Amino acid sequence: MKVFIVVKESFEAVHSWPGCNKEEVSFLMFPHRHVFHVELVVEKPNSEVLGDREVEFIVLKRRLRDFLRRKFEGRDLGGMSCEEIGKRVMEEFSGAVGVSVFEDGENGVRLVK
């Protein structure tokens, strides 16, 4: 059995899609605000010992929160996409096996190793 730790955090930022070539959503070319919701999945080491806490939820969530605040919170991210945000989160957290990034908790992406 594999066990995964999952933590969620959100941040507010502005981004745009300057190269948008779809008329029906051309408004995305201009800066617009979102609350980005990030879900980080880390494989729990020694998962055969279900009671052990090598990775503590609260500590991991705080690390995710601090990273998101430092890198993204309140900024204009330019043309950065949800995929790019997810990639940066995956690079920051060793042991990450998945990251999801949603705009306003509705639509988004999931990156999986």
PDB file of N, CA and C in Angstrom:
ATOM      1  N   MET A   1       0.839  -1.177   0.000  1.00  0.00           N
ATOM      2  CA  MET A   1       0.000   0.000   0.000  1.00  0.00           C
ATOM      3  C   MET A   1       0.880   1.234   0.000  1.00  0.00           C
ATOM      4  N   LYS A   2       0.493   2.236  -0.779  1.00  0.00           N
ATOM      5  CA  LYS A   2       1.176   3.513  -0.769  1.00  0.00           C
ATOM      6  C   LYS A   2       0.285   4.513  -0.053  1.00  0.00           C
ATOM      7  N   VAL A   3       0.910   5.405   0.695  1.00  0.00           N
ATOM      8  CA  VAL A   3       0.185   6.447   1.416  1.00  0.00           C
ATOM      9  C   VAL A   3       0.744   7.797   0.976  1.00  0.00           C
ATOM     10  N   PHE A   4      -0.141   8.751   0.742  1.00  0.00           N
ATOM     11  CA  PHE A   4       0.251  10.070   0.291  1.00  0.00           C
ATOM     12  C   PHE A   4      -0.266  11.125   1.259  1.00  0.00           C
ATOM     13  N   ILE A   5       0.544  12.138   1.496  1.00  0.00           N
ATOM     14  CA  ILE A   5       0.162  13.299   2.290  1.00  0.00           C
ATOM     15  C   ILE A   5      -0.351  14.342   1.299  1.00  0.00           C
ATOM     16  N   VAL A   6      -1.489  14.953   1.606  1.00  0.00           N
ATOM     17  CA  VAL A   6      -2.073  15.967   0.739  1.00  0.00           C
ATOM     18  C   VAL A   6      -2.324  17.229   1.563  1.00  0.00           C
ATOM     19  N   VAL A   7      -1.814  18.347   1.083  1.00  0.00           N
ATOM     20  CA  VAL A   7      -2.065  19.634   1.741  1.00  0.00           C
ATOM     21  C   VAL A   7      -2.560  20.620   0.688  1.00  0.00           C
ATOM     22  N   LYS A   8      -3.384  21.559   1.133  1.00  0.00           N
ATOM     23  CA  LYS A   8      -3.968  22.549   0.232  1.00  0.00           C
ATOM     24  C   LYS A   8      -3.721  23.948   0.781  1.00  0.00           C
ATOM     25  N   GLU A   9      -3.513  24.877  -0.137  1.00  0.00           N
ATOM     26  CA  GLU A   9      -3.318  26.276   0.237  1.00  0.00           C
ATOM     27  C   GLU A   9      -3.743  27.118  -0.956  1.00  0.00           C
ATOM     28  N   SER A  10      -4.008  28.387  -0.723  1.00  0.00           N
ATOM     29  CA  SER A  10      -4.411  29.271  -1.814  1.00  0.00           C
ATOM     30  C   SER A  10      -3.676  30.605  -1.716  1.00  0.00           C
ATOM     31  N   PHE A  11      -3.671  31.314  -2.827  1.00  0.00           N
ATOM     32  CA  PHE A  11      -3.084  32.655  -2.870  1.00  0.00           C
ATOM     33  C   PHE A  11      -3.791  33.456  -3.959  1.00  0.00           C
ATOM     34  N   GLU A  12      -3.746  34.757  -3.805  1.00  0.00           N
ATOM     35  CA  GLU A  12      -4.357  35.667  -4.767  1.00  0.00           C
ATOM     36  C   GLU A  12      -3.269  36.283  -5.632  1.00  0.00           C
ATOM     37  N   ALA A  13      -3.519  36.347  -6.937  1.00  0.00           N
ATOM     38  CA  ALA A  13      -2.564  36.966  -7.857  1.00  0.00           C
ATOM     39  C   ALA A  13      -3.278  37.337  -9.152  1.00  0.00           C
ATOM     40  N   VAL A  14      -2.563  38.039  -9.995  1.00  0.00           N
ATOM     41  CA  VAL A  14      -3.055  38.464 -11.305  1.00  0.00           C
ATOM     42  C   VAL A  14      -2.193  37.791 -12.362  1.00  0.00           C
ATOM     43  N   HIS A  15      -2.828  37.367 -13.441  1.00  0.00           N
ATOM     44  CA  HIS A  15      -2.055  36.870 -14.583  1.00  0.00           C
ATOM     45  C   HIS A  15      -2.829  37.161 -15.868  1.00  0.00           C
ATOM     46  N   SER A  16      -2.239  36.798 -16.990  1.00  0.00           N
ATOM     47  CA  SER A  16      -2.871  37.011 -18.288  1.00  0.00           C
ATOM     48  C   SER A  16      -2.380  35.935 -19.249  1.00  0.00           C
ATOM     49  N   TRP A  17      -3.021  35.892 -20.408  1.00  0.00           N
ATOM     50  CA  TRP A  17      -2.604  34.988 -21.474  1.00  0.00           C
ATOM     51  C   TRP A  17      -2.392  35.851 -22.713  1.00  0.00           C
ATOM     52  N   PRO A  18      -1.222  36.491 -22.806  1.00  0.00           N
ATOM     53  CA  PRO A  18      -0.987  37.451 -23.889  1.00  0.00           C
ATOM     54  C   PRO A  18      -1.163  36.852 -25.286  1.00  0.00           C
ATOM     55  N   GLY A  19      -0.868  35.582 -25.455  1.00  0.00           N
ATOM     56  CA  GLY A  19      -0.955  34.956 -26.768  1.00  0.00           C
ATOM     57  C   GLY A  19      -2.291  34.291 -27.060  1.00  0.00           C
ATOM     58  N   CYS A  20      -3.317  34.633 -26.305  1.00  0.00           N
ATOM     59  CA  CYS A  20      -4.627  33.999 -26.497  1.00  0.00           C
ATOM     60  C   CYS A  20      -5.104  34.208 -27.937  1.00  0.00           C
ATOM     61  N   ASN A  21      -5.425  33.106 -28.595  1.00  0.00           N
ATOM     62  CA  ASN A  21      -5.892  33.182 -29.979  1.00  0.00           C
ATOM     63  C   ASN A  21      -7.319  32.655 -30.119  1.00  0.00           C
ATOM     64  N   LYS A  22      -8.042  32.638 -29.024  1.00  0.00           N
ATOM     65  CA  LYS A  22      -9.421  32.145 -29.021  1.00  0.00           C
ATOM     66  C   LYS A  22     -10.366  33.319 -28.769  1.00  0.00           C
ATOM     67  N   GLU A  23     -11.100  33.696 -29.781  1.00  0.00           N
ATOM     68  CA  GLU A  23     -11.972  34.873 -29.717  1.00  0.00           C
ATOM     69  C   GLU A  23     -12.923  34.830 -28.528  1.00  0.00           C
ATOM     70  N   GLU A  24     -13.502  33.670 -28.262  1.00  0.00           N
ATOM     71  CA  GLU A  24     -14.517  33.577 -27.196  1.00  0.00           C
ATOM     72  C   GLU A  24     -13.966  33.861 -25.800  1.00  0.00           C
ATOM     73  N   VAL A  25     -12.655  33.762 -25.623  1.00  0.00           N
ATOM     74  CA  VAL A  25     -12.044  34.067 -24.322  1.00  0.00           C
ATOM     75  C   VAL A  25     -10.920  35.089 -24.478  1.00  0.00           C
ATOM     76  N   SER A  26     -11.052  35.967 -25.445  1.00  0.00           N
ATOM     77  CA  SER A  26      -9.991  36.946 -25.725  1.00  0.00           C
ATOM     78  C   SER A  26      -9.727  37.871 -24.539  1.00  0.00           C
ATOM     79  N   PHE A  27     -10.676  37.987 -23.627  1.00  0.00           N
ATOM     80  CA  PHE A  27     -10.473  38.802 -22.418  1.00  0.00           C
ATOM     81  C   PHE A  27      -9.318  38.279 -21.576  1.00  0.00           C
ATOM     82  N   LEU A  28      -8.923  37.020 -21.769  1.00  0.00           N
ATOM     83  CA  LEU A  28      -7.815  36.448 -21.005  1.00  0.00           C
ATOM     84  C   LEU A  28      -6.466  37.059 -21.381  1.00  0.00           C
ATOM     85  N   MET A  29      -6.437  37.814 -22.492  1.00  0.00           N
ATOM     86  CA  MET A  29      -5.193  38.488 -22.888  1.00  0.00           C
ATOM     87  C   MET A  29      -4.814  39.592 -21.902  1.00  0.00           C
ATOM     88  N   PHE A  30      -5.779  40.062 -21.150  1.00  0.00           N
ATOM     89  CA  PHE A  30      -5.569  41.186 -20.244  1.00  0.00           C
ATOM     90  C   PHE A  30      -5.413  40.689 -18.810  1.00  0.00           C
ATOM     91  N   PRO A  31      -4.645  41.398 -18.003  1.00  0.00           N
ATOM     92  CA  PRO A  31      -4.462  40.974 -16.605  1.00  0.00           C
ATOM     93  C   PRO A  31      -5.809  40.825 -15.889  1.00  0.00           C
ATOM     94  N   HIS A  32      -5.947  39.709 -15.184  1.00  0.00           N
ATOM     95  CA  HIS A  32      -7.162  39.440 -14.416  1.00  0.00           C
ATOM     96  C   HIS A  32      -6.783  38.678 -13.148  1.00  0.00           C
ATOM     97  N   ARG A  33      -7.583  38.860 -12.128  1.00  0.00           N
ATOM     98  CA  ARG A  33      -7.307  38.329 -10.796  1.00  0.00           C
ATOM     99  C   ARG A  33      -7.930  36.942 -10.615  1.00  0.00           C
ATOM    100  N   HIS A  34      -7.212  36.111  -9.866  1.00  0.00           N
ATOM    101  CA  HIS A  34      -7.719  34.804  -9.447  1.00  0.00           C
ATOM    102  C   HIS A  34      -7.296  34.541  -8.011  1.00  0.00           C
ATOM    103  N   VAL A  35      -8.037  33.681  -7.360  1.00  0.00           N
ATOM    104  CA  VAL A  35      -7.540  33.020  -6.161  1.00  0.00           C
ATOM    105  C   VAL A  35      -7.118  31.637  -6.659  1.00  0.00           C
ATOM    106  N   PHE A  36      -5.816  31.394  -6.644  1.00  0.00           N
ATOM    107  CA  PHE A  36      -5.273  30.116  -7.098  1.00  0.00           C
ATOM    108  C   PHE A  36      -5.277  29.143  -5.927  1.00  0.00           C
ATOM    109  N   HIS A  37      -5.815  27.967  -6.149  1.00  0.00           N
ATOM    110  CA  HIS A  37      -5.866  26.923  -5.128  1.00  0.00           C
ATOM    111  C   HIS A  37      -4.854  25.851  -5.514  1.00  0.00           C
ATOM    112  N   VAL A  38      -3.942  25.561  -4.603  1.00  0.00           N
ATOM    113  CA  VAL A  38      -2.857  24.617  -4.871  1.00  0.00           C
ATOM    114  C   VAL A  38      -2.993  23.424  -3.939  1.00  0.00           C
ATOM    115  N   GLU A  39      -2.911  22.243  -4.519  1.00  0.00           N
ATOM    116  CA  GLU A  39      -2.934  21.000  -3.750  1.00  0.00           C
ATOM    117  C   GLU A  39      -1.618  20.280  -4.025  1.00  0.00           C
ATOM    118  N   LEU A  40      -0.879  19.991  -2.974  1.00  0.00           N
ATOM    119  CA  LEU A  40       0.424  19.329  -3.070  1.00  0.00           C
ATOM    120  C   LEU A  40       0.303  17.916  -2.520  1.00  0.00           C
ATOM    121  N   VAL A  41       0.796  16.948  -3.288  1.00  0.00           N
ATOM    122  CA  VAL A  41       0.750  15.539  -2.884  1.00  0.00           C
ATOM    123  C   VAL A  41       2.178  15.035  -2.751  1.00  0.00           C
ATOM    124  N   VAL A  42       2.493  14.502  -1.573  1.00  0.00           N
ATOM    125  CA  VAL A  42       3.832  13.980  -1.276  1.00  0.00           C
ATOM    126  C   VAL A  42       3.678  12.537  -0.820  1.00  0.00           C
ATOM    127  N   GLU A  43       4.488  11.652  -1.401  1.00  0.00           N
ATOM    128  CA  GLU A  43       4.429  10.257  -0.965  1.00  0.00           C
ATOM    129  C   GLU A  43       5.004  10.148   0.436  1.00  0.00           C
ATOM    130  N   LYS A  44       4.295   9.424   1.274  1.00  0.00           N
ATOM    131  CA  LYS A  44       4.733   9.250   2.659  1.00  0.00           C
ATOM    132  C   LYS A  44       5.759   8.122   2.715  1.00  0.00           C
ATOM    133  N   PRO A  45       6.966   8.434   3.205  1.00  0.00           N
ATOM    134  CA  PRO A  45       7.963   7.363   3.328  1.00  0.00           C
ATOM    135  C   PRO A  45       7.524   6.337   4.370  1.00  0.00           C
ATOM    136  N   ASN A  46       7.997   5.136   4.230  1.00  0.00           N
ATOM    137  CA  ASN A  46       7.682   4.065   5.184  1.00  0.00           C
ATOM    138  C   ASN A  46       6.182   3.938   5.417  1.00  0.00           C
ATOM    139  N   SER A  47       5.416   3.941   4.327  1.00  0.00           N
ATOM    140  CA  SER A  47       3.961   3.957   4.448  1.00  0.00           C
ATOM    141  C   SER A  47       3.399   2.675   5.058  1.00  0.00           C
ATOM    142  N   GLU A  48       4.263   1.652   5.222  1.00  0.00           N
ATOM    143  CA  GLU A  48       3.772   0.447   5.881  1.00  0.00           C
ATOM    144  C   GLU A  48       3.509   0.707   7.375  1.00  0.00           C
ATOM    145  N   VAL A  49       4.086   1.767   7.894  1.00  0.00           N
ATOM    146  CA  VAL A  49       3.854   2.150   9.287  1.00  0.00           C
ATOM    147  C   VAL A  49       2.875   3.317   9.265  1.00  0.00           C
ATOM    148  N   LEU A  50       1.597   3.022   9.264  1.00  0.00           N
ATOM    149  CA  LEU A  50       0.581   4.046   9.062  1.00  0.00           C
ATOM    150  C   LEU A  50       0.550   5.082  10.176  1.00  0.00           C
ATOM    151  N   GLY A  51       1.016   4.737  11.344  1.00  0.00           N
ATOM    152  CA  GLY A  51       0.962   5.683  12.444  1.00  0.00           C
ATOM    153  C   GLY A  51       2.156   6.628  12.510  1.00  0.00           C
ATOM    154  N   ASP A  52       3.205   6.355  11.725  1.00  0.00           N
ATOM    155  CA  ASP A  52       4.407   7.172  11.796  1.00  0.00           C
ATOM    156  C   ASP A  52       4.193   8.479  11.039  1.00  0.00           C
ATOM    157  N   ARG A  53       4.852   9.535  11.484  1.00  0.00           N
ATOM    158  CA  ARG A  53       4.667  10.848  10.864  1.00  0.00           C
ATOM    159  C   ARG A  53       5.994  11.452  10.440  1.00  0.00           C
ATOM    160  N   GLU A  54       6.684  10.798   9.464  1.00  0.00           N
ATOM    161  CA  GLU A  54       7.912  11.395   8.950  1.00  0.00           C
ATOM    162  C   GLU A  54       7.606  12.740   8.298  1.00  0.00           C
ATOM    163  N   VAL A  55       6.432  12.824   7.674  1.00  0.00           N
ATOM    164  CA  VAL A  55       5.981  14.060   7.053  1.00  0.00           C
ATOM    165  C   VAL A  55       4.742  14.503   7.818  1.00  0.00           C
ATOM    166  N   GLU A  56       4.833  15.618   8.484  1.00  0.00           N
ATOM    167  CA  GLU A  56       3.712  16.127   9.282  1.00  0.00           C
ATOM    168  C   GLU A  56       2.882  17.073   8.427  1.00  0.00           C
ATOM    169  N   PHE A  57       1.563  16.868   8.414  1.00  0.00           N
ATOM    170  CA  PHE A  57       0.646  17.688   7.611  1.00  0.00           C
ATOM    171  C   PHE A  57       0.862  19.179   7.826  1.00  0.00           C
ATOM    172  N   ILE A  58       0.829  19.588   9.079  1.00  0.00           N
ATOM    173  CA  ILE A  58       0.861  21.009   9.404  1.00  0.00           C
ATOM    174  C   ILE A  58       2.173  21.645   8.972  1.00  0.00           C
ATOM    175  N   VAL A  59       3.278  20.945   9.174  1.00  0.00           N
ATOM    176  CA  VAL A  59       4.588  21.460   8.785  1.00  0.00           C
ATOM    177  C   VAL A  59       4.649  21.607   7.262  1.00  0.00           C
ATOM    178  N   LEU A  60       4.189  20.600   6.535  1.00  0.00           N
ATOM    179  CA  LEU A  60       4.201  20.647   5.075  1.00  0.00           C
ATOM    180  C   LEU A  60       3.297  21.772   4.567  1.00  0.00           C
ATOM    181  N   LYS A  61       2.125  21.919   5.155  1.00  0.00           N
ATOM    182  CA  LYS A  61       1.200  22.989   4.746  1.00  0.00           C
ATOM    183  C   LYS A  61       1.831  24.362   4.982  1.00  0.00           C
ATOM    184  N   ARG A  62       2.496  24.527   6.105  1.00  0.00           N
ATOM    185  CA  ARG A  62       3.149  25.811   6.386  1.00  0.00           C
ATOM    186  C   ARG A  62       4.258  26.098   5.378  1.00  0.00           C
ATOM    187  N   ARG A  63       5.017  25.075   5.017  1.00  0.00           N
ATOM    188  CA  ARG A  63       6.073  25.247   4.016  1.00  0.00           C
ATOM    189  C   ARG A  63       5.479  25.638   2.666  1.00  0.00           C
ATOM    190  N   LEU A  64       4.366  24.990   2.292  1.00  0.00           N
ATOM    191  CA  LEU A  64       3.694  25.333   1.042  1.00  0.00           C
ATOM    192  C   LEU A  64       3.174  26.764   1.101  1.00  0.00           C
ATOM    193  N   ARG A  65       2.521  27.124   2.192  1.00  0.00           N
ATOM    194  CA  ARG A  65       1.990  28.480   2.354  1.00  0.00           C
ATOM    195  C   ARG A  65       3.104  29.512   2.229  1.00  0.00           C
ATOM    196  N   ASP A  66       4.212  29.294   2.923  1.00  0.00           N
ATOM    197  CA  ASP A  66       5.326  30.240   2.900  1.00  0.00           C
ATOM    198  C   ASP A  66       5.914  30.383   1.489  1.00  0.00           C
ATOM    199  N   PHE A  67       6.046  29.265   0.793  1.00  0.00           N
ATOM    200  CA  PHE A  67       6.570  29.299  -0.577  1.00  0.00           C
ATOM    201  C   PHE A  67       5.633  30.085  -1.493  1.00  0.00           C
ATOM    202  N   LEU A  68       4.341  29.812  -1.427  1.00  0.00           N
ATOM    203  CA  LEU A  68       3.382  30.497  -2.289  1.00  0.00           C
ATOM    204  C   LEU A  68       3.342  31.987  -1.993  1.00  0.00           C
ATOM    205  N   ARG A  69       3.394  32.357  -0.727  1.00  0.00           N
ATOM    206  CA  ARG A  69       3.382  33.779  -0.351  1.00  0.00           C
ATOM    207  C   ARG A  69       4.634  34.481  -0.884  1.00  0.00           C
ATOM    208  N   ARG A  70       5.757  33.832  -0.719  1.00  0.00           N
ATOM    209  CA  ARG A  70       7.040  34.420  -1.118  1.00  0.00           C
ATOM    210  C   ARG A  70       7.132  34.582  -2.652  1.00  0.00           C
ATOM    211  N   LYS A  71       6.641  33.620  -3.392  1.00  0.00           N
ATOM    212  CA  LYS A  71       6.824  33.609  -4.848  1.00  0.00           C
ATOM    213  C   LYS A  71       5.673  34.230  -5.642  1.00  0.00           C
ATOM    214  N   PHE A  72       4.436  34.128  -5.134  1.00  0.00           N
ATOM    215  CA  PHE A  72       3.288  34.460  -5.980  1.00  0.00           C
ATOM    216  C   PHE A  72       2.275  35.440  -5.384  1.00  0.00           C
ATOM    217  N   GLU A  73       2.053  35.414  -4.104  1.00  0.00           N
ATOM    218  CA  GLU A  73       0.954  36.169  -3.471  1.00  0.00           C
ATOM    219  C   GLU A  73       0.975  37.645  -3.834  1.00  0.00           C
ATOM    220  N   GLY A  74      -0.160  38.142  -4.332  1.00  0.00           N
ATOM    221  CA  GLY A  74      -0.341  39.557  -4.595  1.00  0.00           C
ATOM    222  C   GLY A  74       0.443  40.103  -5.778  1.00  0.00           C
ATOM    223  N   ARG A  75       1.028  39.245  -6.564  1.00  0.00           N
ATOM    224  CA  ARG A  75       1.869  39.694  -7.680  1.00  0.00           C
ATOM    225  C   ARG A  75       1.122  39.621  -9.007  1.00  0.00           C
ATOM    226  N   ASP A  76       1.660  40.339  -9.961  1.00  0.00           N
ATOM    227  CA  ASP A  76       1.231  40.168 -11.351  1.00  0.00           C
ATOM    228  C   ASP A  76       2.171  39.118 -11.933  1.00  0.00           C
ATOM    229  N   LEU A  77       1.634  37.955 -12.217  1.00  0.00           N
ATOM    230  CA  LEU A  77       2.441  36.832 -12.692  1.00  0.00           C
ATOM    231  C   LEU A  77       2.667  36.878 -14.198  1.00  0.00           C
ATOM    232  N   GLY A  78       2.185  37.941 -14.840  1.00  0.00           N
ATOM    233  CA  GLY A  78       2.359  38.056 -16.287  1.00  0.00           C
ATOM    234  C   GLY A  78       1.648  36.909 -16.985  1.00  0.00           C
ATOM    235  N   GLY A  79       2.333  36.285 -17.907  1.00  0.00           N
ATOM    236  CA  GLY A  79       1.756  35.189 -18.676  1.00  0.00           C
ATOM    237  C   GLY A  79       1.898  33.820 -18.035  1.00  0.00           C
ATOM    238  N   MET A  80       2.282  33.774 -16.762  1.00  0.00           N
ATOM    239  CA  MET A  80       2.474  32.485 -16.089  1.00  0.00           C
ATOM    240  C   MET A  80       1.141  31.732 -15.996  1.00  0.00           C
ATOM    241  N   SER A  81       1.164  30.480 -16.400  1.00  0.00           N
ATOM    242  CA  SER A  81      -0.037  29.630 -16.402  1.00  0.00           C
ATOM    243  C   SER A  81      -0.103  28.784 -15.136  1.00  0.00           C
ATOM    244  N   CYS A  82      -1.231  28.130 -14.949  1.00  0.00           N
ATOM    245  CA  CYS A  82      -1.377  27.183 -13.839  1.00  0.00           C
ATOM    246  C   CYS A  82      -0.334  26.073 -13.945  1.00  0.00           C
ATOM    247  N   GLU A  83      -0.050  25.647 -15.168  1.00  0.00           N
ATOM    248  CA  GLU A  83       0.956  24.604 -15.375  1.00  0.00           C
ATOM    249  C   GLU A  83       2.322  25.058 -14.868  1.00  0.00           C
ATOM    250  N   GLU A  84       2.673  26.305 -15.157  1.00  0.00           N
ATOM    251  CA  GLU A  84       3.971  26.818 -14.722  1.00  0.00           C
ATOM    252  C   GLU A  84       4.036  26.973 -13.206  1.00  0.00           C
ATOM    253  N   ILE A  85       2.952  27.414 -12.603  1.00  0.00           N
ATOM    254  CA  ILE A  85       2.910  27.508 -11.141  1.00  0.00           C
ATOM    255  C   ILE A  85       3.112  26.117 -10.551  1.00  0.00           C
ATOM    256  N   GLY A  86       2.385  25.131 -11.078  1.00  0.00           N
ATOM    257  CA  GLY A  86       2.505  23.755 -10.591  1.00  0.00           C
ATOM    258  C   GLY A  86       3.913  23.214 -10.743  1.00  0.00           C
ATOM    259  N   LYS A  87       4.546  23.506 -11.871  1.00  0.00           N
ATOM    260  CA  LYS A  87       5.917  23.037 -12.102  1.00  0.00           C
ATOM    261  C   LYS A  87       6.865  23.617 -11.054  1.00  0.00           C
ATOM    262  N   ARG A  88       6.707  24.892 -10.739  1.00  0.00           N
ATOM    263  CA  ARG A  88       7.579  25.516  -9.730  1.00  0.00           C
ATOM    264  C   ARG A  88       7.363  24.912  -8.345  1.00  0.00           C
ATOM    265  N   VAL A  89       6.113  24.587  -8.031  1.00  0.00           N
ATOM    266  CA  VAL A  89       5.831  23.937  -6.740  1.00  0.00           C
ATOM    267  C   VAL A  89       6.475  22.555  -6.711  1.00  0.00           C
ATOM    268  N   MET A  90       6.337  21.797  -7.789  1.00  0.00           N
ATOM    269  CA  MET A  90       6.944  20.452  -7.850  1.00  0.00           C
ATOM    270  C   MET A  90       8.455  20.532  -7.677  1.00  0.00           C
ATOM    271  N   GLU A  91       9.080  21.534  -8.272  1.00  0.00           N
ATOM    272  CA  GLU A  91      10.537  21.678  -8.174  1.00  0.00           C
ATOM    273  C   GLU A  91      10.972  22.051  -6.756  1.00  0.00           C
ATOM    274  N   GLU A  92      10.129  22.765  -6.050  1.00  0.00           N
ATOM    275  CA  GLU A  92      10.470  23.240  -4.704  1.00  0.00           C
ATOM    276  C   GLU A  92      10.397  22.138  -3.650  1.00  0.00           C
ATOM    277  N   PHE A  93       9.483  21.187  -3.841  1.00  0.00           N
ATOM    278  CA  PHE A  93       9.210  20.195  -2.797  1.00  0.00           C
ATOM    279  C   PHE A  93       9.691  18.812  -3.214  1.00  0.00           C
ATOM    280  N   SER A  94      10.803  18.394  -2.617  1.00  0.00           N
ATOM    281  CA  SER A  94      11.302  17.052  -2.900  1.00  0.00           C
ATOM    282  C   SER A  94      10.273  16.067  -2.346  1.00  0.00           C
ATOM    283  N   GLY A  95      10.083  15.008  -3.031  1.00  0.00           N
ATOM    284  CA  GLY A  95       9.090  14.023  -2.612  1.00  0.00           C
ATOM    285  C   GLY A  95       7.709  14.296  -3.180  1.00  0.00           C
ATOM    286  N   ALA A  96       7.531  15.450  -3.837  1.00  0.00           N
ATOM    287  CA  ALA A  96       6.235  15.748  -4.447  1.00  0.00           C
ATOM    288  C   ALA A  96       5.987  14.786  -5.596  1.00  0.00           C
ATOM    289  N   VAL A  97       4.812  14.188  -5.618  1.00  0.00           N
ATOM    290  CA  VAL A  97       4.438  13.294  -6.714  1.00  0.00           C
ATOM    291  C   VAL A  97       3.287  13.866  -7.518  1.00  0.00           C
ATOM    292  N   GLY A  98       2.683  14.929  -7.012  1.00  0.00           N
ATOM    293  CA  GLY A  98       1.591  15.568  -7.730  1.00  0.00           C
ATOM    294  C   GLY A  98       1.307  16.955  -7.199  1.00  0.00           C
ATOM    295  N   VAL A  99       0.863  17.809  -8.113  1.00  0.00           N
ATOM    296  CA  VAL A  99       0.449  19.162  -7.751  1.00  0.00           C
ATOM    297  C   VAL A  99      -0.748  19.511  -8.627  1.00  0.00           C
ATOM    298  N   SER A 100      -1.772  20.083  -8.005  1.00  0.00           N
ATOM    299  CA  SER A 100      -2.909  20.615  -8.750  1.00  0.00           C
ATOM    300  C   SER A 100      -2.982  22.109  -8.490  1.00  0.00           C
ATOM    301  N   VAL A 101      -3.309  22.861  -9.537  1.00  0.00           N
ATOM    302  CA  VAL A 101      -3.483  24.307  -9.421  1.00  0.00           C
ATOM    303  C   VAL A 101      -4.800  24.656 -10.100  1.00  0.00           C
ATOM    304  N   PHE A 102      -5.705  25.250  -9.329  1.00  0.00           N
ATOM    305  CA  PHE A 102      -7.015  25.628  -9.838  1.00  0.00           C
ATOM    306  C   PHE A 102      -7.214  27.131  -9.740  1.00  0.00           C
ATOM    307  N   GLU A 103      -7.845  27.697 -10.745  1.00  0.00           N
ATOM    308  CA  GLU A 103      -8.226  29.103 -10.715  1.00  0.00           C
ATOM    309  C   GLU A 103      -9.584  29.211 -10.031  1.00  0.00           C
ATOM    310  N   ASP A 104      -9.621  29.935  -8.932  1.00  0.00           N
ATOM    311  CA  ASP A 104     -10.852  30.170  -8.184  1.00  0.00           C
ATOM    312  C   ASP A 104     -11.533  28.875  -7.738  1.00  0.00           C
ATOM    313  N   GLY A 105     -10.733  27.816  -7.575  1.00  0.00           N
ATOM    314  CA  GLY A 105     -11.260  26.545  -7.107  1.00  0.00           C
ATOM    315  C   GLY A 105     -12.131  25.832  -8.132  1.00  0.00           C
ATOM    316  N   GLU A 106     -12.097  26.270  -9.391  1.00  0.00           N
ATOM    317  CA  GLU A 106     -12.989  25.705 -10.408  1.00  0.00           C
ATOM    318  C   GLU A 106     -12.263  24.896 -11.470  1.00  0.00           C
ATOM    319  N   ASN A 107     -11.426  25.541 -12.243  1.00  0.00           N
ATOM    320  CA  ASN A 107     -10.771  24.906 -13.386  1.00  0.00           C
ATOM    321  C   ASN A 107      -9.273  24.963 -13.183  1.00  0.00           C
ATOM    322  N   GLY A 108      -8.592  23.914 -13.599  1.00  0.00           N
ATOM    323  CA  GLY A 108      -7.156  23.926 -13.407  1.00  0.00           C
ATOM    324  C   GLY A 108      -6.455  22.746 -14.020  1.00  0.00           C
ATOM    325  N   VAL A 109      -5.282  22.480 -13.478  1.00  0.00           N
ATOM    326  CA  VAL A 109      -4.426  21.411 -13.994  1.00  0.00           C
ATOM    327  C   VAL A 109      -3.926  20.541 -12.859  1.00  0.00           C
ATOM    328  N   ARG A 110      -3.520  19.339 -13.227  1.00  0.00           N
ATOM    329  CA  ARG A 110      -2.878  18.415 -12.290  1.00  0.00           C
ATOM    330  C   ARG A 110      -1.610  17.911 -12.946  1.00  0.00           C
ATOM    331  N   LEU A 111      -0.487  18.089 -12.251  1.00  0.00           N
ATOM    332  CA  LEU A 111       0.792  17.569 -12.701  1.00  0.00           C
ATOM    333  C   LEU A 111       1.118  16.356 -11.839  1.00  0.00           C
ATOM    334  N   VAL A 112       1.545  15.263 -12.485  1.00  0.00           N
ATOM    335  CA  VAL A 112       1.845  14.029 -11.776  1.00  0.00           C
ATOM    336  C   VAL A 112       3.187  13.508 -12.245  1.00  0.00           C
ATOM    337  N   LYS A 113       4.028  13.103 -11.280  1.00  0.00           N
ATOM    338  CA  LYS A 113       5.320  12.491 -11.625  1.00  0.00           C
ATOM    339  C   LYS A 113       5.096  11.054 -11.992  1.00  0.00           C
TER     340      LYS A 113
END
